[in-house]
């Protein structure tokens, strides 16, 4: 009898260990996105020689938590507001690993940091030089024209014999074409030069305009004086661009741009200072509110009915926050808003 009970205890223990492992370690084919944090940018962005602001205000970097779901995380997300459960194929392209996805996100973060440097240093009238080091394929959309012809990491050097200096060169050229037209693309892949013919197709993501189904990034070398250093760690994606540019500008200029307020926000920024749409803004509003932020900048998308700003404003009302949600289309608009604060 004693041995029988001992065996049952051992079996029970083993079953419990397996159950715990399954609940907390087994990865389901789903991704969960949930509100992250809103952390001060001062420790993340450091301009050489910049003095600490005398006020109590801060610019904040707002993040989203994301990762492949365990059964426990999946169950919890079902009962939590502003948690999205996404099929893994909606996040990872076919054949892409979690590590490859993470590296793409870090590459986007690096590009975002460079764009924010350009915008802030030019606005502050500081020294800056830009060298262009190639246009690279970040991702290829499955079943689109470029699928099977281009790969992540390819450097695009020419299109129909025209040199490509930055991603926008290719984008604007394709815009001038018609659906069904064929383009001749020259790429470098593993030190080998390849030629690819790709037929343009109407893409739903481009409202029926021609495209080939790729995401690009321009590899630039940006040199500034005084130097600026980033320590964003494993945070990825392009959405911190606006807040990076505001923090850098704040450190480069004498005036305390925050005026003592806790300022958060989000938005991809280009080299001309335009603020673009990002994903998951509902979660970022929640994260900023939980961190006690006073102001939240949201991409206005030229007054689009389904803009990030409209979503952010609706979520702010739902959670009953006192945080002011401010629509912006450009870096200059965000700076002007802060300069006019009392």
Protein backbone atom coordinates (compact mmCIF):
# COMPACT_ATOMS: atom_id res chain seq x y z
CA UNK A 1 0.00 0.00 0.00
CA UNK A 2 2.83 2.40 0.95
CA UNK A 3 4.67 1.72 -2.32
CA UNK A 4 1.46 2.22 -4.31
CA UNK A 5 0.88 5.66 -2.71
CA UNK A 6 4.50 6.62 -3.38
CA UNK A 7 4.14 5.71 -7.03
CA UNK A 8 0.94 7.76 -7.27
CA UNK A 9 2.71 10.76 -5.72
CA UNK A 10 5.58 10.44 -8.20
CA UNK A 11 3.18 10.12 -11.13
CA UNK A 12 1.17 13.07 -9.83
CA UNK A 13 4.34 15.12 -9.50
CA UNK A 14 5.44 14.27 -13.04
CA UNK A 15 1.98 15.14 -14.42
CA UNK A 16 2.05 18.46 -12.54
CA UNK A 17 5.51 19.31 -13.94
CA UNK A 18 4.36 18.48 -17.47
CA UNK A 19 1.20 20.57 -17.02
CA UNK A 20 3.18 23.54 -15.69
CA UNK A 21 5.69 23.26 -18.53
CA UNK A 22 2.86 23.14 -21.06
CA UNK A 23 1.03 26.14 -19.57
CA UNK A 24 4.08 28.37 -19.23
CA UNK A 25 6.55 27.19 -21.89
CA UNK A 26 4.79 25.54 -24.83
CA UNK A 27 4.46 28.00 -27.70
CA UNK A 28 1.13 28.24 -29.50
CA UNK A 29 0.78 29.44 -33.12
CA UNK A 30 -0.40 32.85 -31.90
CA UNK A 31 1.17 36.20 -31.09
CA UNK A 32 -0.04 38.43 -28.26
CA UNK A 33 0.31 42.20 -28.33
CA UNK A 34 -0.46 44.07 -25.11
CA UNK A 35 0.27 47.45 -23.49
CA UNK A 36 3.92 47.86 -22.57
CA UNK A 37 5.65 50.71 -20.76
CA UNK A 38 6.16 54.45 -21.13
CA UNK A 39 9.72 55.11 -19.99
CA UNK A 40 11.64 58.43 -19.85
CA UNK A 41 13.90 58.89 -22.86
CA UNK A 42 16.72 60.67 -21.03
CA UNK A 43 18.55 57.43 -20.16
CA UNK A 44 17.97 56.08 -23.69
CA UNK A 45 19.09 59.09 -25.75
CA UNK A 46 22.20 61.06 -24.81
CA UNK A 47 23.54 64.03 -26.76
CA UNK A 48 27.18 64.74 -25.87
CA UNK A 49 27.48 67.84 -23.73
CA UNK A 50 23.74 68.21 -23.18
CA UNK A 51 22.83 69.44 -19.73
CA UNK A 52 20.04 67.86 -17.71
CA UNK A 53 16.82 69.83 -17.81
CA UNK A 54 16.04 71.82 -14.68
CA UNK A 55 12.34 70.94 -14.89
CA UNK A 56 10.55 67.77 -13.86
CA UNK A 57 9.20 66.98 -17.33
CA UNK A 58 10.29 64.10 -19.55
CA UNK A 59 9.79 62.76 -23.04
CA UNK A 60 8.64 59.13 -22.96
CA UNK A 61 9.23 56.11 -25.18
CA UNK A 62 6.04 54.04 -25.31
CA UNK A 63 6.26 50.34 -26.09
CA UNK A 64 4.05 47.34 -26.82
CA UNK A 65 4.71 43.93 -25.33
CA UNK A 66 4.70 41.24 -27.98
CA UNK A 67 5.64 37.63 -28.31
CA UNK A 68 4.54 34.15 -29.20
CA UNK A 69 1.88 32.97 -26.78
CA UNK A 70 2.08 30.21 -24.21
CA UNK A 71 -1.24 28.62 -23.15
CA UNK A 72 -1.21 30.65 -19.92
CA UNK A 73 -0.58 33.92 -21.78
CA UNK A 74 -3.28 33.04 -24.30
CA UNK A 75 -5.85 32.47 -21.55
CA UNK A 76 -4.91 35.68 -19.73
CA UNK A 77 -5.09 37.72 -22.93
CA UNK A 78 -8.64 36.50 -23.50
CA UNK A 79 -9.73 38.27 -20.33
CA UNK A 80 -7.64 41.44 -20.58
CA UNK A 81 -8.65 44.62 -22.38
CA UNK A 82 -6.45 45.93 -25.19
CA UNK A 83 -4.74 42.56 -25.67
CA UNK A 84 -4.67 41.30 -29.26
CA UNK A 85 -4.33 37.62 -30.09
CA UNK A 86 -3.04 37.24 -33.65
CA UNK A 87 -2.47 34.11 -35.75
CA UNK A 88 1.27 33.74 -36.10
CA UNK A 89 1.04 34.02 -39.90
CA UNK A 90 -0.27 37.57 -39.45
CA UNK A 91 3.02 38.50 -37.77
CA UNK A 92 5.67 36.22 -39.22
CA UNK A 93 5.89 35.77 -42.94
CA UNK A 94 6.04 32.21 -44.21
CA UNK A 95 9.40 30.68 -43.39
CA UNK A 96 10.45 33.53 -41.07
CA UNK A 97 11.75 32.65 -37.63
CA UNK A 98 11.18 34.65 -34.44
CA UNK A 99 14.83 35.64 -34.51
CA UNK A 100 14.63 36.90 -38.09
CA UNK A 101 11.51 38.89 -37.19
CA UNK A 102 13.32 40.39 -34.20
CA UNK A 103 16.31 41.36 -36.33
CA UNK A 104 14.01 43.10 -38.83
CA UNK A 105 12.42 45.04 -35.98
CA UNK A 106 15.85 46.11 -34.71
CA UNK A 107 16.81 47.22 -38.23
CA UNK A 108 13.65 49.35 -38.34
CA UNK A 109 14.55 50.84 -34.96
CA UNK A 110 18.01 51.74 -36.25
CA UNK A 111 16.52 53.42 -39.31
CA UNK A 112 14.07 55.28 -37.08
CA UNK A 113 16.90 56.56 -34.90
CA UNK A 114 18.79 57.85 -37.92
CA UNK A 115 15.72 59.66 -39.27
CA UNK A 116 15.09 61.24 -35.87
CA UNK A 117 18.70 62.45 -35.75
CA UNK A 118 18.41 64.08 -39.17
CA UNK A 119 15.14 65.83 -38.30
CA UNK A 120 16.26 67.06 -34.87
CA UNK A 121 19.75 68.22 -35.87
CA UNK A 122 18.48 70.05 -38.93
CA UNK A 123 15.76 71.75 -36.86
CA UNK A 124 18.35 72.79 -34.26
CA UNK A 125 20.77 74.03 -36.90
CA UNK A 126 23.51 71.62 -35.83
CA UNK A 127 26.12 69.94 -38.04
CA UNK A 128 25.04 66.79 -39.87
CA UNK A 129 26.27 64.80 -42.88
CA UNK A 130 24.53 61.85 -44.57
CA UNK A 131 26.11 59.12 -46.70
CA UNK A 132 23.91 56.61 -48.52
CA UNK A 133 25.04 52.99 -48.25
CA UNK A 134 22.37 51.10 -50.16
CA UNK A 135 18.70 50.12 -50.22
CA UNK A 136 17.87 46.74 -48.73
CA UNK A 137 14.86 44.43 -48.78
CA UNK A 138 13.52 44.03 -45.24
CA UNK A 139 10.75 41.58 -46.11
CA UNK A 140 8.93 40.05 -49.07
CA UNK A 141 5.16 39.53 -48.94
CA UNK A 142 4.19 35.93 -49.83
CA UNK A 143 2.32 35.43 -53.12
CA UNK A 144 3.18 38.93 -54.30
CA UNK A 145 5.18 39.68 -57.48
CA UNK A 146 8.56 39.83 -55.69
CA UNK A 147 8.00 36.50 -53.92
CA UNK A 148 10.57 33.98 -55.15
CA UNK A 149 12.62 36.67 -56.88
CA UNK A 150 13.78 38.92 -54.06
CA UNK A 151 14.87 37.92 -50.56
CA UNK A 152 15.33 39.64 -47.22
CA UNK A 153 18.80 41.21 -47.22
CA UNK A 154 19.01 41.82 -50.98
CA UNK A 155 20.53 45.17 -51.87
CA UNK A 156 18.66 46.86 -54.73
CA UNK A 157 21.11 48.89 -56.81
CA UNK A 158 19.18 49.71 -59.99
CA UNK A 159 15.68 49.68 -61.45
CA UNK A 160 15.38 49.77 -65.24
CA UNK A 161 18.97 50.99 -65.36
CA UNK A 162 18.37 53.86 -62.94
CA UNK A 163 20.56 53.94 -59.84
CA UNK A 164 18.72 53.58 -56.54
CA UNK A 165 20.10 55.80 -53.78
CA UNK A 166 17.31 55.52 -51.23
CA UNK A 167 14.09 53.55 -50.81
CA UNK A 168 11.93 56.44 -51.93
CA UNK A 169 13.65 56.41 -55.35
CA UNK A 170 12.19 52.96 -56.02
CA UNK A 171 8.82 53.78 -54.49
CA UNK A 172 8.37 56.92 -56.61
CA UNK A 173 9.51 55.14 -59.77
CA UNK A 174 7.01 52.32 -59.28
CA UNK A 175 4.27 54.89 -58.64
CA UNK A 176 4.88 56.29 -62.13
CA UNK A 177 4.15 52.89 -63.69
CA UNK A 178 0.93 51.02 -64.40
CA UNK A 179 -0.37 47.70 -63.14
CA UNK A 180 0.94 44.97 -65.44
CA UNK A 181 4.13 46.84 -66.36
CA UNK A 182 7.39 44.95 -65.97
CA UNK A 183 10.41 46.41 -64.20
CA UNK A 184 14.02 45.21 -64.39
CA UNK A 185 15.67 45.13 -60.97
CA UNK A 186 19.41 44.76 -60.32
CA UNK A 187 20.35 43.39 -56.91
CA UNK A 188 23.38 42.28 -54.95
CA UNK A 189 23.04 39.05 -52.98
CA UNK A 190 26.00 37.51 -51.16
CA UNK A 191 28.50 39.49 -53.30
CA UNK A 192 26.76 38.31 -56.49
CA UNK A 193 24.97 40.68 -58.88
CA UNK A 194 21.62 39.36 -60.12
CA UNK A 195 19.01 40.65 -62.60
CA UNK A 196 15.30 40.14 -61.92
CA UNK A 197 12.23 40.98 -64.04
CA UNK A 198 9.16 41.65 -61.91
CA UNK A 199 5.63 42.44 -63.10
CA UNK A 200 3.80 45.14 -61.18
CA UNK A 201 0.49 44.21 -59.62
CA UNK A 202 -2.35 46.16 -58.04
CA UNK A 203 -1.88 45.87 -54.28
CA UNK A 204 -4.73 46.19 -51.80
CA UNK A 205 -2.34 47.74 -49.26
CA UNK A 206 -1.65 50.52 -51.78
CA UNK A 207 -5.32 51.07 -52.61
CA UNK A 208 -4.97 49.31 -55.94
CA UNK A 209 -1.81 51.13 -57.00
CA UNK A 210 1.07 49.15 -58.56
CA UNK A 211 3.62 47.44 -56.37
CA UNK A 212 5.76 44.33 -56.04
CA UNK A 213 5.14 43.45 -52.37
CA UNK A 214 8.34 44.30 -50.51
CA UNK A 215 9.36 46.40 -47.54
CA UNK A 216 12.54 48.44 -47.94
CA UNK A 217 15.01 50.26 -45.75
CA UNK A 218 17.69 52.75 -46.76
CA UNK A 219 21.03 52.08 -45.10
CA UNK A 220 22.48 55.51 -44.34
CA UNK A 221 25.55 56.61 -42.44
CA UNK A 222 24.61 59.70 -40.47
CA UNK A 223 27.36 61.72 -38.78
CA UNK A 224 26.38 64.49 -36.36
CA UNK A 225 28.13 66.95 -34.11
CA UNK A 226 27.74 66.86 -31.15
CA UNK A 227 27.41 63.09 -31.15
CA UNK A 228 24.29 61.32 -29.93
CA UNK A 229 24.11 57.83 -28.46
CA UNK A 230 21.14 55.48 -28.23
CA UNK A 231 20.71 52.65 -25.73
CA UNK A 232 17.34 51.21 -26.71
CA UNK A 233 18.39 47.61 -26.11
CA UNK A 234 16.08 45.02 -27.61
CA UNK A 235 13.28 47.47 -28.41
CA UNK A 236 12.46 47.26 -32.12
CA UNK A 237 10.24 48.82 -34.75
CA UNK A 238 9.99 52.28 -36.29
CA UNK A 239 7.32 53.85 -34.09
CA UNK A 240 9.61 55.72 -31.66
CA UNK A 241 10.83 58.11 -34.36
CA UNK A 242 8.77 61.13 -33.34
CA UNK A 243 9.64 60.89 -29.65
CA UNK A 244 13.34 60.28 -30.42
CA UNK A 245 13.43 63.43 -32.55
CA UNK A 246 11.71 65.49 -29.84
CA UNK A 247 14.10 64.24 -27.14
CA UNK A 248 17.18 64.94 -29.28
CA UNK A 249 15.90 68.41 -30.18
CA UNK A 250 15.15 69.10 -26.51
CA UNK A 251 18.73 68.21 -25.57
CA UNK A 252 20.22 70.27 -28.42
CA UNK A 253 18.33 73.44 -27.55
CA UNK A 254 18.40 75.64 -24.46
CA UNK A 255 14.67 75.74 -23.74
CA UNK A 256 13.06 72.97 -21.70
CA UNK A 257 10.59 71.76 -24.30
CA UNK A 258 8.55 69.66 -21.84
CA UNK A 259 7.67 72.66 -19.62
CA UNK A 260 7.50 70.22 -16.71
CA UNK A 261 4.96 67.91 -18.39
CA UNK A 262 5.25 64.16 -18.92
CA UNK A 263 5.14 63.91 -22.72
CA UNK A 264 4.52 60.65 -24.56
CA UNK A 265 3.57 59.78 -28.10
CA UNK A 266 4.26 57.61 -31.07
CA UNK A 267 4.69 57.78 -34.82
CA UNK A 268 7.19 56.78 -37.47
CA UNK A 269 9.15 59.76 -38.75
CA UNK A 270 10.76 60.26 -42.15
CA UNK A 271 13.75 62.39 -43.06
CA UNK A 272 11.48 65.33 -43.87
CA UNK A 273 9.87 65.28 -40.42
CA UNK A 274 6.54 63.77 -41.49
CA UNK A 275 4.85 61.64 -38.82
CA UNK A 276 3.44 58.33 -40.09
CA UNK A 277 0.95 55.73 -38.90
CA UNK A 278 1.96 52.94 -36.55
CA UNK A 279 0.32 49.80 -35.24
CA UNK A 280 -1.07 49.14 -31.77
CA UNK A 281 -1.75 52.72 -30.79
CA UNK A 282 -4.59 51.64 -28.48
CA UNK A 283 -2.08 49.76 -26.32
CA UNK A 284 0.31 52.70 -26.30
CA UNK A 285 -2.39 55.05 -25.04
CA UNK A 286 -3.09 52.62 -22.19
CA UNK A 287 0.64 52.29 -21.39
CA UNK A 288 1.15 56.07 -21.37
CA UNK A 289 -1.87 56.59 -19.10
CA UNK A 290 -0.66 53.94 -16.65
CA UNK A 291 2.69 55.75 -16.47
CA UNK A 292 1.02 59.05 -15.60
CA UNK A 293 1.75 60.93 -18.83
CA UNK A 294 0.07 64.30 -19.39
CA UNK A 295 0.33 64.58 -23.19
CA UNK A 296 0.20 61.95 -25.93
CA UNK A 297 1.08 62.77 -29.56
CA UNK A 298 -0.70 60.61 -32.16
CA UNK A 299 -0.31 60.51 -35.96
CA UNK A 300 -3.16 62.52 -37.49
CA UNK A 301 -2.75 61.15 -41.02
CA UNK A 302 -4.08 64.39 -42.52
CA UNK A 303 -7.43 64.13 -40.69
CA UNK A 304 -8.17 60.60 -41.93
CA UNK A 305 -11.36 59.16 -40.42
CA UNK A 306 -9.57 56.02 -39.21
CA UNK A 307 -6.30 57.72 -38.25
CA UNK A 308 -4.15 56.75 -35.29
CA UNK A 309 -5.33 59.94 -33.63
CA UNK A 310 -9.01 58.98 -33.91
CA UNK A 311 -8.28 55.56 -32.38
CA UNK A 312 -6.16 57.10 -29.63
CA UNK A 313 -8.85 59.65 -28.79
CA UNK A 314 -11.50 56.93 -28.57
CA UNK A 315 -9.35 54.75 -26.29
CA UNK A 316 -8.56 57.75 -24.07
CA UNK A 317 -12.31 58.27 -23.61
CA UNK A 318 -12.87 54.56 -22.91
CA UNK A 319 -10.29 54.42 -20.13
CA UNK A 320 -11.29 57.82 -18.70
CA UNK A 321 -7.81 59.34 -18.77
CA UNK A 322 -7.03 63.01 -18.16
CA UNK A 323 -4.10 62.69 -20.58
CA UNK A 324 -4.39 65.10 -23.52
CA UNK A 325 -4.27 63.34 -26.90
CA UNK A 326 -2.79 65.67 -29.54
CA UNK A 327 -2.95 65.05 -33.33
CA UNK A 328 0.24 65.74 -35.30
CA UNK A 329 1.27 65.31 -38.93
CA UNK A 330 4.82 66.66 -38.59
CA UNK A 331 7.65 67.08 -36.14
CA UNK A 332 7.23 70.85 -36.42
CA UNK A 333 3.61 70.61 -35.24
CA UNK A 334 4.66 68.69 -32.13
CA UNK A 335 7.40 71.21 -31.34
CA UNK A 336 5.02 74.15 -31.84
CA UNK A 337 2.47 72.57 -29.50
CA UNK A 338 5.07 72.13 -26.76
CA UNK A 339 6.53 75.61 -27.25
CA UNK A 340 3.09 77.15 -26.74
CA UNK A 341 2.49 75.36 -23.44
CA UNK A 342 2.56 77.51 -20.35
